[in-house]
Amino acid sequence: MAAAYRDADWFRSDRGNVLDTLLGGGDAAAGLMLPLTEGARHADLRGAFMKAFSPRALSGVGDSVRAASRELLTDLPAKGECGFAQDVAGRLPLRAICDLLDVPQADRQHLLDMTSSALGSESEQGLQLDSWVSESEILLCFSDLVAQRRRDLQDDIVSLLRQVPVEDVPLTDEEVVLNCYSLIVGGDETTRLALVGGVAAFLGNPAQWAAYRSGGVPTGPAVEDVLHTDLACGPHGQGRVSSCTARRSRPVAS
């Protein structure tokens, strides 16, 4: 598996890497969105994102997330009850991503609602249609944001993507929109699942929770353990397109 992952000549992601789109003939964002690129293009795009996630850029986001956490914990007792997955884990990741993208405050609740719908409806009826509509709404929201940054650059990821060349060519508005979409949907989903998985792990292991609360377990290692455990496999089937026929005539190093 590791050998196949590293071999971009035979096993590729630039036609899509989610099984439902691969089985449907490919992804419309193939070759345009960071997870759906290969080689030099992938390296250039990844480099642009890494600049946006520098310690300086993230310091303000960390302050914002801490403030949002305090606000949520202050407001929750008044509700009498809450669902952690929806009321806490469903809100904190989007707060951080919206800060990085500098999404206007007036648009954030709408983005939260659309992101939740795009990842899965609470009812099975109309699930696919609701998801398609929500995905389109998110793309439209970012189209407006990219148009604003074209007129007035800011210190955010959207402005950075508009200025950083990929393979010596500036990104088109479509490419910027798609990569913003990838960041907000992927970042929201993975972080939310990690938060929920961490709470579930503590509920299932009261002794570990007691050790953490008492200070016997540092926060850093606890977070690393949650990330390694709960994000080892995403919620969607993943795949890579192969341009060769796989045979079991010899073992592949894993």
C-alpha atoms as a PDB file:
ATOM      1  CA  MET A   1       0.000   0.000   0.000  1.00  0.00           C
ATOM      2  CA  ALA A   2       2.783   2.432   0.868  1.00  0.00           C
ATOM      3  CA  ALA A   3       4.527   1.689  -2.425  1.00  0.00           C
ATOM      4  CA  ALA A   4       1.313   2.333  -4.386  1.00  0.00           C
ATOM      5  CA  TYR A   5       0.738   5.592  -2.508  1.00  0.00           C
ATOM      6  CA  ARG A   6       4.211   6.881  -3.436  1.00  0.00           C
ATOM      7  CA  ASP A   7       4.004   5.776  -7.084  1.00  0.00           C
ATOM      8  CA  ALA A   8       2.266   8.689  -8.850  1.00  0.00           C
ATOM      9  CA  ASP A   9       3.166   7.333 -12.283  1.00  0.00           C
ATOM     10  CA  TRP A  10       0.960   4.262 -11.902  1.00  0.00           C
ATOM     11  CA  PHE A  11      -1.434   5.226  -9.117  1.00  0.00           C
ATOM     12  CA  ARG A  12      -2.892   8.722  -9.365  1.00  0.00           C
ATOM     13  CA  SER A  13      -5.276  11.047  -7.500  1.00  0.00           C
ATOM     14  CA  ASP A  14      -5.779  13.629 -10.253  1.00  0.00           C
ATOM     15  CA  ARG A  15      -9.002  12.036 -11.520  1.00  0.00           C
ATOM     16  CA  GLY A  16     -10.461  12.048  -8.029  1.00  0.00           C
ATOM     17  CA  ASN A  17      -9.800  10.166  -4.803  1.00  0.00           C
ATOM     18  CA  VAL A  18     -13.272   9.540  -3.360  1.00  0.00           C
ATOM     19  CA  LEU A  19     -14.848   6.302  -4.438  1.00  0.00           C
ATOM     20  CA  ASP A  20     -18.325   7.613  -5.248  1.00  0.00           C
ATOM     21  CA  THR A  21     -16.898  10.154  -7.737  1.00  0.00           C
ATOM     22  CA  LEU A  22     -14.398   7.681  -9.180  1.00  0.00           C
ATOM     23  CA  LEU A  23     -17.169   5.164  -9.801  1.00  0.00           C
ATOM     24  CA  GLY A  24     -19.184   7.958 -11.431  1.00  0.00           C
ATOM     25  CA  GLY A  25     -16.459   8.688 -13.999  1.00  0.00           C
ATOM     26  CA  GLY A  26     -14.221  11.138 -12.140  1.00  0.00           C
ATOM     27  CA  ASP A  27     -14.281  14.342 -10.112  1.00  0.00           C
ATOM     28  CA  ALA A  28     -15.142  17.719 -11.680  1.00  0.00           C
ATOM     29  CA  ALA A  29     -12.385  19.313  -9.558  1.00  0.00           C
ATOM     30  CA  ALA A  30      -9.734  16.807 -10.648  1.00  0.00           C
ATOM     31  CA  GLY A  31      -6.371  18.488 -11.219  1.00  0.00           C
ATOM     32  CA  LEU A  32      -7.619  21.756  -9.720  1.00  0.00           C
ATOM     33  CA  MET A  33      -8.029  21.036  -5.997  1.00  0.00           C
ATOM     34  CA  LEU A  34      -5.021  20.235  -3.786  1.00  0.00           C
ATOM     35  CA  PRO A  35      -6.059  16.653  -2.842  1.00  0.00           C
ATOM     36  CA  LEU A  36      -6.706  15.922  -6.526  1.00  0.00           C
ATOM     37  CA  THR A  37      -3.315  16.925  -7.930  1.00  0.00           C
ATOM     38  CA  GLU A  38       0.014  15.189  -8.463  1.00  0.00           C
ATOM     39  CA  GLY A  39       3.685  16.041  -8.905  1.00  0.00           C
ATOM     40  CA  ALA A  40       4.934  19.615  -9.204  1.00  0.00           C
ATOM     41  CA  ARG A  41       1.427  21.074  -9.199  1.00  0.00           C
ATOM     42  CA  HIS A  42       0.614  19.348  -5.928  1.00  0.00           C
ATOM     43  CA  ALA A  43       3.911  20.516  -4.402  1.00  0.00           C
ATOM     44  CA  ASP A  44       3.317  24.156  -5.425  1.00  0.00           C
ATOM     45  CA  LEU A  45      -0.269  24.169  -4.119  1.00  0.00           C
ATOM     46  CA  ARG A  46       0.753  22.510  -0.890  1.00  0.00           C
ATOM     47  CA  GLY A  47       3.520  25.064  -0.462  1.00  0.00           C
ATOM     48  CA  ALA A  48       0.987  27.891  -0.803  1.00  0.00           C
ATOM     49  CA  PHE A  49      -1.200  26.387   1.904  1.00  0.00           C
ATOM     50  CA  MET A  50       1.782  25.811   4.199  1.00  0.00           C
ATOM     51  CA  LYS A  51       2.526  29.545   4.070  1.00  0.00           C
ATOM     52  CA  ALA A  52      -1.029  30.195   5.212  1.00  0.00           C
ATOM     53  CA  PHE A  53      -0.534  27.819   8.162  1.00  0.00           C
ATOM     54  CA  SER A  54       2.635  29.433   9.454  1.00  0.00           C
ATOM     55  CA  PRO A  55       2.933  29.958  13.246  1.00  0.00           C
ATOM     56  CA  ARG A  56       2.356  33.690  12.766  1.00  0.00           C
ATOM     57  CA  ALA A  57      -0.838  33.125  10.816  1.00  0.00           C
ATOM     58  CA  LEU A  58      -2.133  30.521  13.259  1.00  0.00           C
ATOM     59  CA  SER A  59      -1.450  32.523  16.427  1.00  0.00           C
ATOM     60  CA  GLY A  60      -4.486  34.724  15.890  1.00  0.00           C
ATOM     61  CA  VAL A  61      -6.630  31.730  14.972  1.00  0.00           C
ATOM     62  CA  GLY A  62      -5.639  29.997  18.214  1.00  0.00           C
ATOM     63  CA  ASP A  63      -6.747  33.041  20.221  1.00  0.00           C
ATOM     64  CA  SER A  64     -10.047  33.074  18.332  1.00  0.00           C
ATOM     65  CA  VAL A  65     -10.695  29.355  18.960  1.00  0.00           C
ATOM     66  CA  ARG A  66      -9.948  29.747  22.676  1.00  0.00           C
ATOM     67  CA  ALA A  67     -12.370  32.672  22.873  1.00  0.00           C
ATOM     68  CA  ALA A  68     -15.027  30.705  20.978  1.00  0.00           C
ATOM     69  CA  SER A  69     -14.551  27.715  23.303  1.00  0.00           C
ATOM     70  CA  ARG A  70     -15.082  29.893  26.349  1.00  0.00           C
ATOM     71  CA  GLU A  71     -18.197  31.435  24.796  1.00  0.00           C
ATOM     72  CA  LEU A  72     -19.673  28.017  24.029  1.00  0.00           C
ATOM     73  CA  LEU A  73     -18.950  26.633  27.502  1.00  0.00           C
ATOM     74  CA  THR A  74     -20.406  29.757  29.093  1.00  0.00           C
ATOM     75  CA  ASP A  75     -23.625  29.557  27.070  1.00  0.00           C
ATOM     76  CA  LEU A  76     -24.238  25.794  27.266  1.00  0.00           C
ATOM     77  CA  PRO A  77     -25.468  25.578  30.901  1.00  0.00           C
ATOM     78  CA  ALA A  78     -28.370  27.885  30.034  1.00  0.00           C
ATOM     79  CA  LYS A  79     -29.592  25.336  27.474  1.00  0.00           C
ATOM     80  CA  GLY A  80     -29.933  22.619  30.109  1.00  0.00           C
ATOM     81  CA  GLU A  81     -28.580  19.973  27.736  1.00  0.00           C
ATOM     82  CA  CYS A  82     -26.495  19.775  24.611  1.00  0.00           C
ATOM     83  CA  GLY A  83     -25.175  17.398  22.013  1.00  0.00           C
ATOM     84  CA  PHE A  84     -21.388  17.721  21.919  1.00  0.00           C
ATOM     85  CA  ALA A  85     -21.155  16.690  18.272  1.00  0.00           C
ATOM     86  CA  GLN A  86     -23.542  19.410  17.115  1.00  0.00           C
ATOM     87  CA  ASP A  87     -23.204  22.180  19.689  1.00  0.00           C
ATOM     88  CA  VAL A  88     -19.435  22.131  20.232  1.00  0.00           C
ATOM     89  CA  ALA A  89     -17.597  19.999  17.663  1.00  0.00           C
ATOM     90  CA  GLY A  90     -19.915  21.268  14.932  1.00  0.00           C
ATOM     91  CA  ARG A  91     -18.989  24.891  15.560  1.00  0.00           C
ATOM     92  CA  LEU A  92     -15.368  25.232  16.661  1.00  0.00           C
ATOM     93  CA  PRO A  93     -13.628  23.933  13.502  1.00  0.00           C
ATOM     94  CA  LEU A  94     -15.599  26.227  11.220  1.00  0.00           C
ATOM     95  CA  ARG A  95     -14.733  29.197  13.418  1.00  0.00           C
ATOM     96  CA  ALA A  96     -11.024  28.526  12.866  1.00  0.00           C
ATOM     97  CA  ILE A  97     -11.341  27.960   9.119  1.00  0.00           C
ATOM     98  CA  CYS A  98     -13.496  31.050   8.631  1.00  0.00           C
ATOM     99  CA  ASP A  99     -10.837  33.073  10.457  1.00  0.00           C
ATOM    100  CA  LEU A 100      -8.145  31.747   8.118  1.00  0.00           C
ATOM    101  CA  LEU A 101     -10.288  32.574   5.085  1.00  0.00           C
ATOM    102  CA  ASP A 102     -11.512  35.848   6.644  1.00  0.00           C
ATOM    103  CA  VAL A 103     -15.130  34.973   5.874  1.00  0.00           C
ATOM    104  CA  PRO A 104     -17.444  37.861   6.867  1.00  0.00           C
ATOM    105  CA  GLN A 105     -19.240  37.288  10.163  1.00  0.00           C
ATOM    106  CA  ALA A 106     -22.620  37.713   8.464  1.00  0.00           C
ATOM    107  CA  ASP A 107     -21.931  34.690   6.230  1.00  0.00           C
ATOM    108  CA  ARG A 108     -20.561  32.273   8.819  1.00  0.00           C
ATOM    109  CA  GLN A 109     -23.780  30.759  10.137  1.00  0.00           C
ATOM    110  CA  HIS A 110     -24.959  30.145   6.590  1.00  0.00           C
ATOM    111  CA  LEU A 111     -21.658  28.426   5.799  1.00  0.00           C
ATOM    112  CA  LEU A 112     -21.977  26.297   8.937  1.00  0.00           C
ATOM    113  CA  ASP A 113     -25.462  25.177   7.919  1.00  0.00           C
ATOM    114  CA  MET A 114     -24.428  24.463   4.328  1.00  0.00           C
ATOM    115  CA  THR A 115     -21.272  22.580   5.349  1.00  0.00           C
ATOM    116  CA  SER A 116     -23.244  20.346   7.716  1.00  0.00           C
ATOM    117  CA  SER A 117     -25.790  19.655   4.986  1.00  0.00           C
ATOM    118  CA  ALA A 118     -23.113  18.970   2.369  1.00  0.00           C
ATOM    119  CA  LEU A 119     -21.528  16.335   4.604  1.00  0.00           C
ATOM    120  CA  GLY A 120     -24.772  14.600   5.435  1.00  0.00           C
ATOM    121  CA  SER A 121     -28.401  15.372   6.159  1.00  0.00           C
ATOM    122  CA  GLU A 122     -30.074  14.331   9.415  1.00  0.00           C
ATOM    123  CA  SER A 123     -32.738  12.514   7.383  1.00  0.00           C
ATOM    124  CA  GLU A 124     -32.240  10.025   4.575  1.00  0.00           C
ATOM    125  CA  GLN A 125     -35.004  11.543   2.457  1.00  0.00           C
ATOM    126  CA  GLY A 126     -33.549  13.919  -0.094  1.00  0.00           C
ATOM    127  CA  LEU A 127     -30.020  13.355   1.249  1.00  0.00           C
ATOM    128  CA  GLN A 128     -28.226  13.496  -2.101  1.00  0.00           C
ATOM    129  CA  LEU A 129     -30.226  16.444  -3.426  1.00  0.00           C
ATOM    130  CA  ASP A 130     -29.695  18.401  -0.191  1.00  0.00           C
ATOM    131  CA  SER A 131     -25.981  17.707  -0.382  1.00  0.00           C
ATOM    132  CA  TRP A 132     -25.738  18.916  -3.995  1.00  0.00           C
ATOM    133  CA  VAL A 133     -27.647  22.122  -3.207  1.00  0.00           C
ATOM    134  CA  SER A 134     -25.468  22.808  -0.159  1.00  0.00           C
ATOM    135  CA  GLU A 135     -22.248  22.210  -2.081  1.00  0.00           C
ATOM    136  CA  SER A 136     -23.417  24.681  -4.735  1.00  0.00           C
ATOM    137  CA  GLU A 137     -24.242  27.262  -2.054  1.00  0.00           C
ATOM    138  CA  ILE A 138     -20.751  26.938  -0.552  1.00  0.00           C
ATOM    139  CA  LEU A 139     -19.150  27.382  -3.973  1.00  0.00           C
ATOM    140  CA  LEU A 140     -21.272  30.473  -4.636  1.00  0.00           C
ATOM    141  CA  CYS A 141     -20.294  31.944  -1.284  1.00  0.00           C
ATOM    142  CA  PHE A 142     -16.606  31.514  -2.089  1.00  0.00           C
ATOM    143  CA  SER A 143     -17.106  32.857  -5.602  1.00  0.00           C
ATOM    144  CA  ASP A 144     -18.353  36.092  -4.040  1.00  0.00           C
ATOM    145  CA  LEU A 145     -15.438  36.127  -1.591  1.00  0.00           C
ATOM    146  CA  VAL A 146     -12.862  35.611  -4.366  1.00  0.00           C
ATOM    147  CA  ALA A 147     -14.443  38.441  -6.367  1.00  0.00           C
ATOM    148  CA  GLN A 148     -14.094  40.708  -3.318  1.00  0.00           C
ATOM    149  CA  ARG A 149     -10.421  39.763  -2.898  1.00  0.00           C
ATOM    150  CA  ARG A 150      -9.814  40.521  -6.565  1.00  0.00           C
ATOM    151  CA  ARG A 151     -10.745  44.118  -5.777  1.00  0.00           C
ATOM    152  CA  ASP A 152      -9.242  44.293  -2.277  1.00  0.00           C
ATOM    153  CA  LEU A 153      -6.532  41.843  -1.186  1.00  0.00           C
ATOM    154  CA  GLN A 154      -6.361  40.985   2.516  1.00  0.00           C
ATOM    155  CA  ASP A 155      -4.056  38.972   4.799  1.00  0.00           C
ATOM    156  CA  ASP A 156      -5.893  35.666   4.395  1.00  0.00           C
ATOM    157  CA  ILE A 157      -5.730  32.378   2.487  1.00  0.00           C
ATOM    158  CA  VAL A 158      -8.042  33.554  -0.299  1.00  0.00           C
ATOM    159  CA  SER A 159      -5.790  36.509  -1.066  1.00  0.00           C
ATOM    160  CA  LEU A 160      -2.693  34.330  -0.789  1.00  0.00           C
ATOM    161  CA  LEU A 161      -4.042  31.814  -3.297  1.00  0.00           C
ATOM    162  CA  ARG A 162      -4.807  34.624  -5.710  1.00  0.00           C
ATOM    163  CA  GLN A 163      -1.185  35.759  -5.631  1.00  0.00           C
ATOM    164  CA  VAL A 164       0.885  32.557  -5.426  1.00  0.00           C
ATOM    165  CA  PRO A 165       1.827  31.038  -8.819  1.00  0.00           C
ATOM    166  CA  VAL A 166       1.404  27.290  -9.301  1.00  0.00           C
ATOM    167  CA  GLU A 167       3.769  25.902 -11.925  1.00  0.00           C
ATOM    168  CA  ASP A 168       4.603  29.548 -12.731  1.00  0.00           C
ATOM    169  CA  VAL A 169       0.970  30.358 -13.605  1.00  0.00           C
ATOM    170  CA  PRO A 170      -1.492  32.243 -11.332  1.00  0.00           C
ATOM    171  CA  LEU A 171      -4.499  30.253 -10.153  1.00  0.00           C
ATOM    172  CA  THR A 172      -7.796  31.007 -11.857  1.00  0.00           C
ATOM    173  CA  ASP A 173     -10.780  32.154  -9.803  1.00  0.00           C
ATOM    174  CA  GLU A 174     -12.273  28.686 -10.246  1.00  0.00           C
ATOM    175  CA  GLU A 175      -9.170  27.036  -8.775  1.00  0.00           C
ATOM    176  CA  VAL A 176      -9.150  29.412  -5.798  1.00  0.00           C
ATOM    177  CA  VAL A 177     -12.846  28.738  -5.135  1.00  0.00           C
ATOM    178  CA  LEU A 178     -12.391  24.957  -5.322  1.00  0.00           C
ATOM    179  CA  ASN A 179      -9.424  24.989  -2.951  1.00  0.00           C
ATOM    180  CA  CYS A 180     -11.322  27.139  -0.457  1.00  0.00           C
ATOM    181  CA  TYR A 181     -14.164  24.638  -0.686  1.00  0.00           C
ATOM    182  CA  SER A 182     -11.747  21.769  -0.088  1.00  0.00           C
ATOM    183  CA  LEU A 183     -10.314  23.486   2.974  1.00  0.00           C
ATOM    184  CA  ILE A 184     -13.606  24.327   4.630  1.00  0.00           C
ATOM    185  CA  VAL A 185     -15.304  20.976   4.002  1.00  0.00           C
ATOM    186  CA  GLY A 186     -12.260  18.802   4.676  1.00  0.00           C
ATOM    187  CA  GLY A 187     -11.008  20.841   7.620  1.00  0.00           C
ATOM    188  CA  ASP A 188     -14.416  21.029   9.243  1.00  0.00           C
ATOM    189  CA  GLU A 189     -15.096  17.317   8.835  1.00  0.00           C
ATOM    190  CA  THR A 190     -11.762  15.960  10.051  1.00  0.00           C
ATOM    191  CA  THR A 191     -11.527  18.284  13.055  1.00  0.00           C
ATOM    192  CA  ARG A 192     -15.130  17.654  14.054  1.00  0.00           C
ATOM    193  CA  LEU A 193     -14.624  13.898  13.907  1.00  0.00           C
ATOM    194  CA  ALA A 194     -11.436  14.172  15.969  1.00  0.00           C
ATOM    195  CA  LEU A 195     -13.228  16.181  18.668  1.00  0.00           C
ATOM    196  CA  VAL A 196     -16.125  13.730  18.831  1.00  0.00           C
ATOM    197  CA  GLY A 197     -13.765  10.751  18.787  1.00  0.00           C
ATOM    198  CA  GLY A 198     -11.710  12.222  21.630  1.00  0.00           C
ATOM    199  CA  VAL A 199     -14.766  12.711  23.841  1.00  0.00           C
ATOM    200  CA  ALA A 200     -16.019   9.219  23.007  1.00  0.00           C
ATOM    201  CA  ALA A 201     -12.618   7.763  23.936  1.00  0.00           C
ATOM    202  CA  PHE A 202     -12.644   9.522  27.307  1.00  0.00           C
ATOM    203  CA  LEU A 203     -16.214   8.373  28.000  1.00  0.00           C
ATOM    204  CA  GLY A 204     -15.169   4.807  27.263  1.00  0.00           C
ATOM    205  CA  ASN A 205     -12.052   5.077  29.437  1.00  0.00           C
ATOM    206  CA  PRO A 206     -12.926   6.926  32.668  1.00  0.00           C
ATOM    207  CA  ALA A 207      -9.480   6.224  34.137  1.00  0.00           C
ATOM    208  CA  GLN A 208      -7.809   8.049  31.238  1.00  0.00           C
ATOM    209  CA  TRP A 209     -10.182  10.981  31.658  1.00  0.00           C
ATOM    210  CA  ALA A 210      -9.364  11.135  35.374  1.00  0.00           C
ATOM    211  CA  ALA A 211      -5.636  11.039  34.580  1.00  0.00           C
ATOM    212  CA  TYR A 212      -6.017  13.841  32.059  1.00  0.00           C
ATOM    213  CA  ARG A 213      -8.092  16.026  34.391  1.00  0.00           C
ATOM    214  CA  SER A 214      -5.585  15.564  37.199  1.00  0.00           C
ATOM    215  CA  GLY A 215      -2.715  16.639  34.948  1.00  0.00           C
ATOM    216  CA  GLY A 216      -1.160  13.193  34.836  1.00  0.00           C
ATOM    217  CA  VAL A 217      -1.470  13.164  31.040  1.00  0.00           C
ATOM    218  CA  PRO A 218      -0.197  16.275  29.191  1.00  0.00           C
ATOM    219  CA  THR A 219      -2.468  17.850  26.581  1.00  0.00           C
ATOM    220  CA  GLY A 220       0.014  17.501  23.705  1.00  0.00           C
ATOM    221  CA  PRO A 221       0.331  13.694  23.769  1.00  0.00           C
ATOM    222  CA  ALA A 222      -3.421  13.352  24.367  1.00  0.00           C
ATOM    223  CA  VAL A 223      -4.180  15.408  21.248  1.00  0.00           C
ATOM    224  CA  GLU A 224      -1.649  13.439  19.194  1.00  0.00           C
ATOM    225  CA  ASP A 225      -3.240  10.175  20.294  1.00  0.00           C
ATOM    226  CA  VAL A 226      -6.709  11.396  19.285  1.00  0.00           C
ATOM    227  CA  LEU A 227      -5.461  12.517  15.865  1.00  0.00           C
ATOM    228  CA  HIS A 228      -3.670   9.235  15.199  1.00  0.00           C
ATOM    229  CA  THR A 229      -6.639   7.144  16.336  1.00  0.00           C
ATOM    230  CA  ASP A 230      -9.656   8.995  14.961  1.00  0.00           C
ATOM    231  CA  LEU A 231      -8.246  10.343  11.691  1.00  0.00           C
ATOM    232  CA  ALA A 232      -6.453   7.191  10.600  1.00  0.00           C
ATOM    233  CA  CYS A 233      -9.327   6.454   8.239  1.00  0.00           C
ATOM    234  CA  GLY A 234     -11.718   9.062   6.875  1.00  0.00           C
ATOM    235  CA  PRO A 235     -15.495   8.640   6.737  1.00  0.00           C
ATOM    236  CA  HIS A 236     -15.539   8.347   2.947  1.00  0.00           C
ATOM    237  CA  GLY A 237     -14.057   5.552   0.886  1.00  0.00           C
ATOM    238  CA  GLN A 238     -10.787   6.665  -0.648  1.00  0.00           C
ATOM    239  CA  GLY A 239      -9.193   5.416  -3.844  1.00  0.00           C
ATOM    240  CA  ARG A 240      -6.549   6.122  -6.488  1.00  0.00           C
ATOM    241  CA  VAL A 241      -6.837   5.434 -10.194  1.00  0.00           C
ATOM    242  CA  SER A 242      -4.407   2.806 -11.463  1.00  0.00           C
ATOM    243  CA  SER A 243      -3.158   2.753 -15.038  1.00  0.00           C
ATOM    244  CA  CYS A 244      -1.909  -0.811 -14.667  1.00  0.00           C
ATOM    245  CA  THR A 245      -3.476  -4.168 -13.929  1.00  0.00           C
ATOM    246  CA  ALA A 246      -2.805  -5.275 -10.374  1.00  0.00           C
ATOM    247  CA  ARG A 247      -1.470  -8.803 -10.005  1.00  0.00           C
ATOM    248  CA  ARG A 248      -0.728 -10.771  -6.897  1.00  0.00           C
ATOM    249  CA  SER A 249       2.368 -12.432  -8.366  1.00  0.00           C
ATOM    250  CA  ARG A 250       4.716 -10.703  -5.923  1.00  0.00           C
ATOM    251  CA  PRO A 251       4.342  -8.991  -2.534  1.00  0.00           C
ATOM    252  CA  VAL A 252       4.239  -5.214  -2.284  1.00  0.00           C
ATOM    253  CA  ALA A 253       5.943  -3.614   0.717  1.00  0.00           C
ATOM    254  CA  SER A 254       3.448  -2.024   3.095  1.00  0.00           C
END
